C-alpha cells in the first residue's frame, strides 16, 4: 500500500489507526458490538420474549469495529434488548419495548 498524498499538518512520529478487512459475508446475521454482553463468563444478549427478558447465549463469528456476526443464538427477527444497567437486569424480568 502506498500513500499518494499527506495532510499539510503531517509530521514524523504521528500515530494513525488503520483497519484491514480480511473477510466479508453478505448474508450474515449481525448485531452492533455494543449489544453483546457477558454473563457468567458467557457471551450473549437479552431478547424480548412475550413481554419478558430472555437470555440467549451466542456463538460469534467475524468481528468488525462496530458489528459482530452471530452464527448461533438469535434469528434476524429477534428483538434484542440493551439493559440500562445489566448488573441489575435478569432473565424473566418484565420489559416494555417502545419501537420508533
PDB file of N, CA and C in Angstrom:
ATOM      1  N   UNK A   1       0.840  -1.155   0.000  1.00  0.00           N
ATOM      2  CA  UNK A   1       0.000   0.000   0.000  1.00  0.00           C
ATOM      3  C   UNK A   1       0.896   1.233   0.000  1.00  0.00           C
ATOM      4  N   UNK A   2       0.489   2.246  -0.748  1.00  0.00           N
ATOM      5  CA  UNK A   2       1.279   3.457  -0.858  1.00  0.00           C
ATOM      6  C   UNK A   2       0.386   4.675  -0.639  1.00  0.00           C
ATOM      7  N   UNK A   3       0.876   5.612   0.134  1.00  0.00           N
ATOM      8  CA  UNK A   3       0.144   6.842   0.385  1.00  0.00           C
ATOM      9  C   UNK A   3       0.442   7.813  -0.755  1.00  0.00           C
ATOM     10  N   UNK A   4      -0.603   8.309  -1.382  1.00  0.00           N
ATOM     11  CA  UNK A   4      -0.445   9.221  -2.522  1.00  0.00           C
ATOM     12  C   UNK A   4      -0.172  10.655  -2.086  1.00  0.00           C
ATOM     13  N   UNK A   5      -0.812  11.089  -1.013  1.00  0.00           N
ATOM     14  CA  UNK A   5      -0.574  12.453  -0.541  1.00  0.00           C
ATOM     15  C   UNK A   5      -0.740  12.497   0.972  1.00  0.00           C
ATOM     16  N   UNK A   6      -0.083  13.446   1.595  1.00  0.00           N
ATOM     17  CA  UNK A   6      -0.122  13.592   3.047  1.00  0.00           C
ATOM     18  C   UNK A   6      -0.813  14.901   3.418  1.00  0.00           C
ATOM     19  N   UNK A   7      -1.468  14.944   4.577  1.00  0.00           N
ATOM     20  CA  UNK A   7      -2.069  16.203   5.023  1.00  0.00           C
ATOM     21  C   UNK A   7      -0.988  17.260   5.266  1.00  0.00           C
ATOM     22  N   UNK A   8      -1.353  18.538   5.202  1.00  0.00           N
ATOM     23  CA  UNK A   8      -0.379  19.618   5.416  1.00  0.00           C
ATOM     24  C   UNK A   8       0.245  19.578   6.799  1.00  0.00           C
ATOM     25  N   UNK A   9      -0.535  19.166   7.806  1.00  0.00           N
ATOM     26  CA  UNK A   9      -0.013  19.165   9.177  1.00  0.00           C
ATOM     27  C   UNK A   9       0.630  17.833   9.567  1.00  0.00           C
ATOM     28  N   UNK A  10       1.025  17.034   8.612  1.00  0.00           N
ATOM     29  CA  UNK A  10       1.638  15.742   8.871  1.00  0.00           C
ATOM     30  C   UNK A  10       3.065  15.921   9.342  1.00  0.00           C
ATOM     31  N   UNK A  11       3.496  15.048  10.296  1.00  0.00           N
ATOM     32  CA  UNK A  11       4.892  15.067  10.734  1.00  0.00           C
ATOM     33  C   UNK A  11       5.296  13.666  11.159  1.00  0.00           C
ATOM     34  N   UNK A  12       6.584  13.428  11.194  1.00  0.00           N
ATOM     35  CA  UNK A  12       7.132  12.129  11.585  1.00  0.00           C
ATOM     36  C   UNK A  12       6.771  11.863  13.048  1.00  0.00           C
ATOM     37  N   UNK A  13       6.362  10.648  13.355  1.00  0.00           N
ATOM     38  CA  UNK A  13       6.046  10.263  14.719  1.00  0.00           C
ATOM     39  C   UNK A  13       4.568  10.323  15.055  1.00  0.00           C
ATOM     40  N   UNK A  14       3.738  10.808  14.149  1.00  0.00           N
ATOM     41  CA  UNK A  14       2.306  10.831  14.418  1.00  0.00           C
ATOM     42  C   UNK A  14       1.751   9.414  14.376  1.00  0.00           C
ATOM     43  N   UNK A  15       0.669   9.203  15.091  1.00  0.00           N
ATOM     44  CA  UNK A  15       0.030   7.891  15.126  1.00  0.00           C
ATOM     45  C   UNK A  15      -1.205   7.895  14.248  1.00  0.00           C
ATOM     46  N   UNK A  16      -1.523   6.701  13.776  1.00  0.00           N
ATOM     47  CA  UNK A  16      -2.719   6.538  12.955  1.00  0.00           C
ATOM     48  C   UNK A  16      -3.398   5.225  13.328  1.00  0.00           C
ATOM     49  N   UNK A  17      -4.656   5.129  13.016  1.00  0.00           N
ATOM     50  CA  UNK A  17      -5.410   3.902  13.251  1.00  0.00           C
ATOM     51  C   UNK A  17      -5.856   3.379  11.893  1.00  0.00           C
ATOM     52  N   UNK A  18      -5.554   2.110  11.625  1.00  0.00           N
ATOM     53  CA  UNK A  18      -5.917   1.514  10.333  1.00  0.00           C
ATOM     54  C   UNK A  18      -6.695   0.231  10.578  1.00  0.00           C
ATOM     55  N   UNK A  19      -7.671  -0.042   9.723  1.00  0.00           N
ATOM     56  CA  UNK A  19      -8.451  -1.264   9.794  1.00  0.00           C
ATOM     57  C   UNK A  19      -8.357  -1.965   8.454  1.00  0.00           C
ATOM     58  N   UNK A  20      -8.059  -3.242   8.520  1.00  0.00           N
ATOM     59  CA  UNK A  20      -7.908  -4.032   7.305  1.00  0.00           C
ATOM     60  C   UNK A  20      -9.004  -5.088   7.274  1.00  0.00           C
ATOM     61  N   UNK A  21      -9.802  -5.081   6.231  1.00  0.00           N
ATOM     62  CA  UNK A  21     -10.871  -6.066   6.080  1.00  0.00           C
ATOM     63  C   UNK A  21     -10.259  -7.348   5.544  1.00  0.00           C
ATOM     64  N   UNK A  22     -10.428  -8.434   6.300  1.00  0.00           N
ATOM     65  CA  UNK A  22      -9.858  -9.716   5.888  1.00  0.00           C
ATOM     66  C   UNK A  22     -10.924 -10.702   5.425  1.00  0.00           C
ATOM     67  N   UNK A  23     -12.186 -10.415   5.733  1.00  0.00           N
ATOM     68  CA  UNK A  23     -13.279 -11.290   5.293  1.00  0.00           C
ATOM     69  C   UNK A  23     -14.574 -10.489   5.318  1.00  0.00           C
ATOM     70  N   UNK A  24     -15.548 -10.957   4.528  1.00  0.00           N
ATOM     71  CA  UNK A  24     -16.857 -10.305   4.492  1.00  0.00           C
ATOM     72  C   UNK A  24     -17.892 -11.355   4.109  1.00  0.00           C
ATOM     73  N   UNK A  25     -19.035 -11.313   4.790  1.00  0.00           N
ATOM     74  CA  UNK A  25     -20.153 -12.184   4.468  1.00  0.00           C
ATOM     75  C   UNK A  25     -21.356 -11.292   4.207  1.00  0.00           C
ATOM     76  N   UNK A  26     -22.033 -11.528   3.099  1.00  0.00           N
ATOM     77  CA  UNK A  26     -23.153 -10.670   2.744  1.00  0.00           C
ATOM     78  C   UNK A  26     -24.481 -11.130   3.345  1.00  0.00           C
ATOM     79  N   UNK A  27     -24.596 -12.396   3.722  1.00  0.00           N
ATOM     80  CA  UNK A  27     -25.869 -12.900   4.234  1.00  0.00           C
ATOM     81  C   UNK A  27     -25.818 -13.247   5.719  1.00  0.00           C
ATOM     82  N   UNK A  28     -24.905 -12.636   6.458  1.00  0.00           N
ATOM     83  CA  UNK A  28     -24.727 -12.953   7.874  1.00  0.00           C
ATOM     84  C   UNK A  28     -25.719 -12.189   8.743  1.00  0.00           C
ATOM     85  N   UNK A  29     -26.070 -12.772   9.884  1.00  0.00           N
ATOM     86  CA  UNK A  29     -26.827 -12.069  10.915  1.00  0.00           C
ATOM     87  C   UNK A  29     -25.799 -11.282  11.715  1.00  0.00           C
ATOM     88  N   UNK A  30     -25.983  -9.967  11.821  1.00  0.00           N
ATOM     89  CA  UNK A  30     -25.027  -9.136  12.553  1.00  0.00           C
ATOM     90  C   UNK A  30     -25.754  -8.295  13.597  1.00  0.00           C
ATOM     91  N   UNK A  31     -25.022  -7.971  14.651  1.00  0.00           N
ATOM     92  CA  UNK A  31     -25.520  -7.079  15.697  1.00  0.00           C
ATOM     93  C   UNK A  31     -24.468  -6.020  15.961  1.00  0.00           C
ATOM     94  N   UNK A  32     -24.882  -4.839  16.404  1.00  0.00           N
ATOM     95  CA  UNK A  32     -23.893  -3.860  16.848  1.00  0.00           C
ATOM     96  C   UNK A  32     -23.121  -4.437  18.035  1.00  0.00           C
ATOM     97  N   UNK A  33     -21.820  -4.243  18.053  1.00  0.00           N
ATOM     98  CA  UNK A  33     -20.996  -4.835  19.103  1.00  0.00           C
ATOM     99  C   UNK A  33     -21.379  -4.340  20.497  1.00  0.00           C
ATOM    100  N   UNK A  34     -21.983  -3.161  20.599  1.00  0.00           N
ATOM    101  CA  UNK A  34     -22.394  -2.638  21.894  1.00  0.00           C
ATOM    102  C   UNK A  34     -23.544  -3.389  22.537  1.00  0.00           C
ATOM    103  N   UNK A  35     -24.240  -4.239  21.785  1.00  0.00           N
ATOM    104  CA  UNK A  35     -25.344  -5.026  22.344  1.00  0.00           C
ATOM    105  C   UNK A  35     -24.876  -6.342  22.965  1.00  0.00           C
ATOM    106  N   UNK A  36     -23.656  -6.755  22.665  1.00  0.00           N
ATOM    107  CA  UNK A  36     -23.138  -8.036  23.148  1.00  0.00           C
ATOM    108  C   UNK A  36     -22.738  -7.892  24.615  1.00  0.00           C
ATOM    109  N   UNK A  37     -23.245  -8.795  25.463  1.00  0.00           N
ATOM    110  CA  UNK A  37     -22.982  -8.767  26.898  1.00  0.00           C
ATOM    111  C   UNK A  37     -22.242 -10.033  27.332  1.00  0.00           C
ATOM    112  N   UNK A  38     -21.665  -9.975  28.530  1.00  0.00           N
ATOM    113  CA  UNK A  38     -21.052 -11.159  29.144  1.00  0.00           C
ATOM    114  C   UNK A  38     -21.800 -11.438  30.437  1.00  0.00           C
ATOM    115  N   UNK A  39     -22.188 -12.691  30.602  1.00  0.00           N
ATOM    116  CA  UNK A  39     -22.918 -13.101  31.809  1.00  0.00           C
ATOM    117  C   UNK A  39     -22.378 -14.445  32.237  1.00  0.00           C
ATOM    118  N   UNK A  40     -21.869 -14.510  33.443  1.00  0.00           N
ATOM    119  CA  UNK A  40     -21.310 -15.748  33.982  1.00  0.00           C
ATOM    120  C   UNK A  40     -20.289 -16.351  33.029  1.00  0.00           C
ATOM    121  N   UNK A  41     -19.455 -15.497  32.447  1.00  0.00           N
ATOM    122  CA  UNK A  41     -18.390 -15.956  31.561  1.00  0.00           C
ATOM    123  C   UNK A  41     -18.829 -16.320  30.155  1.00  0.00           C
ATOM    124  N   UNK A  42     -20.109 -16.089  29.831  1.00  0.00           N
ATOM    125  CA  UNK A  42     -20.613 -16.437  28.504  1.00  0.00           C
ATOM    126  C   UNK A  42     -21.066 -15.182  27.765  1.00  0.00           C
ATOM    127  N   UNK A  43     -20.888 -15.206  26.451  1.00  0.00           N
ATOM    128  CA  UNK A  43     -21.293 -14.101  25.596  1.00  0.00           C
ATOM    129  C   UNK A  43     -22.733 -14.306  25.157  1.00  0.00           C
ATOM    130  N   UNK A  44     -23.524 -13.230  25.179  1.00  0.00           N
ATOM    131  CA  UNK A  44     -24.911 -13.354  24.757  1.00  0.00           C
ATOM    132  C   UNK A  44     -25.621 -12.021  24.715  1.00  0.00           C
ATOM    133  N   UNK A  45     -26.925 -12.098  24.552  1.00  0.00           N
ATOM    134  CA  UNK A  45     -27.788 -10.914  24.534  1.00  0.00           C
ATOM    135  C   UNK A  45     -29.095 -11.252  25.233  1.00  0.00           C
ATOM    136  N   UNK A  46     -29.798 -10.204  25.645  1.00  0.00           N
ATOM    137  CA  UNK A  46     -31.164 -10.368  26.117  1.00  0.00           C
ATOM    138  C   UNK A  46     -32.089 -10.051  24.953  1.00  0.00           C
ATOM    139  N   UNK A  47     -33.142 -10.843  24.819  1.00  0.00           N
ATOM    140  CA  UNK A  47     -34.156 -10.587  23.804  1.00  0.00           C
ATOM    141  C   UNK A  47     -35.513 -10.485  24.492  1.00  0.00           C
ATOM    142  N   UNK A  48     -36.435  -9.786  23.845  1.00  0.00           N
ATOM    143  CA  UNK A  48     -37.802  -9.699  24.352  1.00  0.00           C
ATOM    144  C   UNK A  48     -38.556 -10.929  23.883  1.00  0.00           C
ATOM    145  N   UNK A  49     -39.191 -11.608  24.827  1.00  0.00           N
ATOM    146  CA  UNK A  49     -39.976 -12.802  24.502  1.00  0.00           C
ATOM    147  C   UNK A  49     -41.239 -12.796  25.348  1.00  0.00           C
ATOM    148  N   UNK A  50     -42.372 -12.523  24.707  1.00  0.00           N
ATOM    149  CA  UNK A  50     -43.671 -12.475  25.381  1.00  0.00           C
ATOM    150  C   UNK A  50     -43.682 -11.482  26.544  1.00  0.00           C
ATOM    151  N   UNK A  51     -43.060 -10.328  26.326  1.00  0.00           N
ATOM    152  CA  UNK A  51     -43.070  -9.282  27.343  1.00  0.00           C
ATOM    153  C   UNK A  51     -42.044  -9.446  28.439  1.00  0.00           C
ATOM    154  N   UNK A  52     -41.170 -10.432  28.331  1.00  0.00           N
ATOM    155  CA  UNK A  52     -40.143 -10.666  29.355  1.00  0.00           C
ATOM    156  C   UNK A  52     -38.773 -10.784  28.710  1.00  0.00           C
ATOM    157  N   UNK A  53     -37.752 -10.537  29.508  1.00  0.00           N
ATOM    158  CA  UNK A  53     -36.373 -10.652  29.032  1.00  0.00           C
ATOM    159  C   UNK A  53     -35.945 -12.113  29.050  1.00  0.00           C
ATOM    160  N   UNK A  54     -35.311 -12.529  27.965  1.00  0.00           N
ATOM    161  CA  UNK A  54     -34.789 -13.900  27.878  1.00  0.00           C
ATOM    162  C   UNK A  54     -33.332 -13.825  27.434  1.00  0.00           C
ATOM    163  N   UNK A  55     -32.464 -14.529  28.139  1.00  0.00           N
ATOM    164  CA  UNK A  55     -31.033 -14.558  27.816  1.00  0.00           C
ATOM    165  C   UNK A  55     -30.786 -15.545  26.687  1.00  0.00           C
ATOM    166  N   UNK A  56     -30.003 -15.133  25.721  1.00  0.00           N
ATOM    167  CA  UNK A  56     -29.629 -16.007  24.609  1.00  0.00           C
ATOM    168  C   UNK A  56     -28.115 -16.031  24.483  1.00  0.00           C
ATOM    169  N   UNK A  57     -27.485 -17.168  24.810  1.00  0.00           N
ATOM    170  CA  UNK A  57     -26.039 -17.272  24.579  1.00  0.00           C
ATOM    171  C   UNK A  57     -25.766 -17.242  23.079  1.00  0.00           C
ATOM    172  N   UNK A  58     -24.644 -16.682  22.687  1.00  0.00           N
ATOM    173  CA  UNK A  58     -24.323 -16.527  21.280  1.00  0.00           C
ATOM    174  C   UNK A  58     -23.047 -17.259  20.893  1.00  0.00           C
ATOM    175  N   UNK A  59     -23.033 -17.722  19.662  1.00  0.00           N
ATOM    176  CA  UNK A  59     -21.799 -18.182  19.032  1.00  0.00           C
ATOM    177  C   UNK A  59     -21.448 -17.100  18.021  1.00  0.00           C
ATOM    178  N   UNK A  60     -20.291 -16.491  18.225  1.00  0.00           N
ATOM    179  CA  UNK A  60     -19.893 -15.331  17.427  1.00  0.00           C
ATOM    180  C   UNK A  60     -18.912 -15.740  16.347  1.00  0.00           C
ATOM    181  N   UNK A  61     -19.060 -15.096  15.178  1.00  0.00           N
ATOM    182  CA  UNK A  61     -18.167 -15.340  14.046  1.00  0.00           C
ATOM    183  C   UNK A  61     -17.234 -14.162  13.836  1.00  0.00           C
ATOM    184  N   UNK A  62     -17.292 -13.585  12.653  1.00  0.00           N
ATOM    185  CA  UNK A  62     -16.430 -12.456  12.317  1.00  0.00           C
ATOM    186  C   UNK A  62     -16.767 -11.249  13.185  1.00  0.00           C
ATOM    187  N   UNK A  63     -15.740 -10.478  13.523  1.00  0.00           N
ATOM    188  CA  UNK A  63     -15.922  -9.261  14.321  1.00  0.00           C
ATOM    189  C   UNK A  63     -15.366  -8.077  13.553  1.00  0.00           C
ATOM    190  N   UNK A  64     -16.120  -7.021  13.543  1.00  0.00           N
ATOM    191  CA  UNK A  64     -15.666  -5.771  12.947  1.00  0.00           C
ATOM    192  C   UNK A  64     -15.544  -4.721  14.022  1.00  0.00           C
ATOM    193  N   UNK A  65     -15.248  -3.499  13.609  1.00  0.00           N
ATOM    194  CA  UNK A  65     -15.150  -2.403  14.578  1.00  0.00           C
ATOM    195  C   UNK A  65     -16.467  -2.154  15.272  1.00  0.00           C
ATOM    196  N   UNK A  66     -17.563  -2.221  14.527  1.00  0.00           N
ATOM    197  CA  UNK A  66     -18.857  -1.848  15.092  1.00  0.00           C
ATOM    198  C   UNK A  66     -19.895  -2.949  15.041  1.00  0.00           C
ATOM    199  N   UNK A  67     -19.607  -4.046  14.353  1.00  0.00           N
ATOM    200  CA  UNK A  67     -20.579  -5.131  14.220  1.00  0.00           C
ATOM    201  C   UNK A  67     -19.938  -6.482  14.496  1.00  0.00           C
ATOM    202  N   UNK A  68     -20.796  -7.412  14.912  1.00  0.00           N
ATOM    203  CA  UNK A  68     -20.369  -8.772  15.214  1.00  0.00           C
ATOM    204  C   UNK A  68     -21.290  -9.731  14.482  1.00  0.00           C
ATOM    205  N   UNK A  69     -20.708 -10.738  13.838  1.00  0.00           N
ATOM    206  CA  UNK A  69     -21.510 -11.757  13.157  1.00  0.00           C
ATOM    207  C   UNK A  69     -22.020 -12.750  14.194  1.00  0.00           C
ATOM    208  N   UNK A  70     -23.299 -13.083  14.100  1.00  0.00           N
ATOM    209  CA  UNK A  70     -23.911 -14.058  15.003  1.00  0.00           C
ATOM    210  C   UNK A  70     -24.117 -15.353  14.234  1.00  0.00           C
ATOM    211  N   UNK A  71     -23.428 -16.402  14.652  1.00  0.00           N
ATOM    212  CA  UNK A  71     -23.551 -17.706  13.996  1.00  0.00           C
ATOM    213  C   UNK A  71     -24.718 -18.491  14.578  1.00  0.00           C
ATOM    214  N   UNK A  72     -24.860 -18.449  15.903  1.00  0.00           N
ATOM    215  CA  UNK A  72     -25.963 -19.138  16.587  1.00  0.00           C
ATOM    216  C   UNK A  72     -26.418 -18.307  17.771  1.00  0.00           C
ATOM    217  N   UNK A  73     -27.699 -18.409  18.100  1.00  0.00           N
ATOM    218  CA  UNK A  73     -28.211 -17.785  19.312  1.00  0.00           C
ATOM    219  C   UNK A  73     -29.453 -16.951  19.113  1.00  0.00           C
ATOM    220  N   UNK A  74     -29.489 -16.141  18.064  1.00  0.00           N
ATOM    221  CA  UNK A  74     -30.675 -15.339  17.766  1.00  0.00           C
ATOM    222  C   UNK A  74     -30.923 -15.352  16.266  1.00  0.00           C
ATOM    223  N   UNK A  75     -32.189 -15.200  15.919  1.00  0.00           N
ATOM    224  CA  UNK A  75     -32.527 -15.122  14.498  1.00  0.00           C
ATOM    225  C   UNK A  75     -32.695 -13.657  14.116  1.00  0.00           C
ATOM    226  N   UNK A  76     -32.748 -13.356  12.834  1.00  0.00           N
ATOM    227  CA  UNK A  76     -32.835 -11.957  12.398  1.00  0.00           C
ATOM    228  C   UNK A  76     -34.079 -11.215  12.886  1.00  0.00           C
ATOM    229  N   UNK A  77     -35.141 -11.925  13.242  1.00  0.00           N
ATOM    230  CA  UNK A  77     -36.371 -11.284  13.709  1.00  0.00           C
ATOM    231  C   UNK A  77     -36.374 -10.980  15.199  1.00  0.00           C
ATOM    232  N   UNK A  78     -35.395 -11.457  15.938  1.00  0.00           N
ATOM    233  CA  UNK A  78     -35.366 -11.267  17.390  1.00  0.00           C
ATOM    234  C   UNK A  78     -35.242  -9.795  17.745  1.00  0.00           C
ATOM    235  N   UNK A  79     -35.914  -9.399  18.814  1.00  0.00           N
ATOM    236  CA  UNK A  79     -35.828  -8.036  19.323  1.00  0.00           C
ATOM    237  C   UNK A  79     -34.826  -8.035  20.470  1.00  0.00           C
ATOM    238  N   UNK A  80     -33.620  -7.561  20.195  1.00  0.00           N
ATOM    239  CA  UNK A  80     -32.546  -7.564  21.186  1.00  0.00           C
ATOM    240  C   UNK A  80     -32.697  -6.358  22.093  1.00  0.00           C
ATOM    241  N   UNK A  81     -32.518  -6.581  23.397  1.00  0.00           N
ATOM    242  CA  UNK A  81     -32.684  -5.543  24.415  1.00  0.00           C
ATOM    243  C   UNK A  81     -31.315  -5.163  24.962  1.00  0.00           C
ATOM    244  N   UNK A  82     -31.096  -3.871  25.118  1.00  0.00           N
ATOM    245  CA  UNK A  82     -29.897  -3.392  25.789  1.00  0.00           C
ATOM    246  C   UNK A  82     -30.318  -2.800  27.127  1.00  0.00           C
ATOM    247  N   UNK A  83     -30.088  -3.537  28.225  1.00  0.00           N
ATOM    248  CA  UNK A  83     -30.497  -3.030  29.534  1.00  0.00           C
ATOM    249  C   UNK A  83     -29.696  -1.793  29.922  1.00  0.00           C
ATOM    250  N   UNK A  84     -30.345  -0.857  30.631  1.00  0.00           N
ATOM    251  CA  UNK A  84     -29.643   0.336  31.102  1.00  0.00           C
ATOM    252  C   UNK A  84     -28.591  -0.044  32.127  1.00  0.00           C
ATOM    253  N   UNK A  85     -28.899  -1.026  32.954  1.00  0.00           N
ATOM    254  CA  UNK A  85     -27.962  -1.492  33.980  1.00  0.00           C
ATOM    255  C   UNK A  85     -27.947  -3.011  33.951  1.00  0.00           C
ATOM    256  N   UNK A  86     -27.016  -3.605  33.206  1.00  0.00           N
ATOM    257  CA  UNK A  86     -27.022  -5.058  33.018  1.00  0.00           C
ATOM    258  C   UNK A  86     -26.721  -5.833  34.303  1.00  0.00           C
ATOM    259  N   UNK A  87     -26.143  -5.200  35.315  1.00  0.00           N
ATOM    260  CA  UNK A  87     -25.868  -5.903  36.574  1.00  0.00           C
ATOM    261  C   UNK A  87     -27.137  -6.118  37.385  1.00  0.00           C
ATOM    262  N   UNK A  88     -28.134  -5.255  37.183  1.00  0.00           N
ATOM    263  CA  UNK A  88     -29.395  -5.383  37.915  1.00  0.00           C
ATOM    264  C   UNK A  88     -30.506  -5.927  37.036  1.00  0.00           C
ATOM    265  N   UNK A  89     -30.151  -6.358  35.864  1.00  0.00           N
ATOM    266  CA  UNK A  89     -31.116  -6.890  34.905  1.00  0.00           C
ATOM    267  C   UNK A  89     -31.065  -8.410  34.975  1.00  0.00           C
ATOM    268  N   UNK A  90     -32.197  -9.073  34.829  1.00  0.00           N
ATOM    269  CA  UNK A  90     -32.183 -10.527  34.946  1.00  0.00           C
ATOM    270  C   UNK A  90     -33.195 -11.152  33.995  1.00  0.00           C
ATOM    271  N   UNK A  91     -32.968 -12.418  33.710  1.00  0.00           N
ATOM    272  CA  UNK A  91     -33.874 -13.167  32.838  1.00  0.00           C
ATOM    273  C   UNK A  91     -35.236 -13.288  33.499  1.00  0.00           C
ATOM    274  N   UNK A  92     -36.287 -13.129  32.705  1.00  0.00           N
ATOM    275  CA  UNK A  92     -37.642 -13.218  33.219  1.00  0.00           C
ATOM    276  C   UNK A  92     -38.224 -11.886  33.653  1.00  0.00           C
ATOM    277  N   UNK A  93     -37.392 -10.859  33.692  1.00  0.00           N
ATOM    278  CA  UNK A  93     -37.883  -9.532  34.082  1.00  0.00           C
ATOM    279  C   UNK A  93     -38.824  -9.004  33.010  1.00  0.00           C
ATOM    280  N   UNK A  94     -39.920  -8.386  33.465  1.00  0.00           N
ATOM    281  CA  UNK A  94     -40.870  -7.803  32.514  1.00  0.00           C
ATOM    282  C   UNK A  94     -40.197  -6.643  31.793  1.00  0.00           C
ATOM    283  N   UNK A  95     -40.446  -6.559  30.501  1.00  0.00           N
ATOM    284  CA  UNK A  95     -39.884  -5.460  29.710  1.00  0.00           C
ATOM    285  C   UNK A  95     -40.975  -4.839  28.847  1.00  0.00           C
ATOM    286  N   UNK A  96     -40.846  -3.536  28.648  1.00  0.00           N
ATOM    287  CA  UNK A  96     -41.711  -2.824  27.721  1.00  0.00           C
ATOM    288  C   UNK A  96     -40.824  -2.266  26.642  1.00  0.00           C
ATOM    289  N   UNK A  97     -41.228  -2.455  25.400  1.00  0.00           N
ATOM    290  CA  UNK A  97     -40.419  -2.015  24.274  1.00  0.00           C
ATOM    291  C   UNK A  97     -41.161  -0.926  23.541  1.00  0.00           C
ATOM    292  N   UNK A  98     -40.492   0.210  23.364  1.00  0.00           N
ATOM    293  CA  UNK A  98     -41.034   1.313  22.576  1.00  0.00           C
ATOM    294  C   UNK A  98     -40.325   1.305  21.242  1.00  0.00           C
ATOM    295  N   UNK A  99     -41.046   0.997  20.191  1.00  0.00           N
ATOM    296  CA  UNK A  99     -40.463   0.992  18.857  1.00  0.00           C
ATOM    297  C   UNK A  99     -40.722   2.330  18.185  1.00  0.00           C
ATOM    298  N   UNK A 100     -39.742   2.814  17.414  1.00  0.00           N
ATOM    299  CA  UNK A 100     -39.940   4.097  16.731  1.00  0.00           C
ATOM    300  C   UNK A 100     -41.015   4.017  15.667  1.00  0.00           C
TER     301      UNK A 100
END
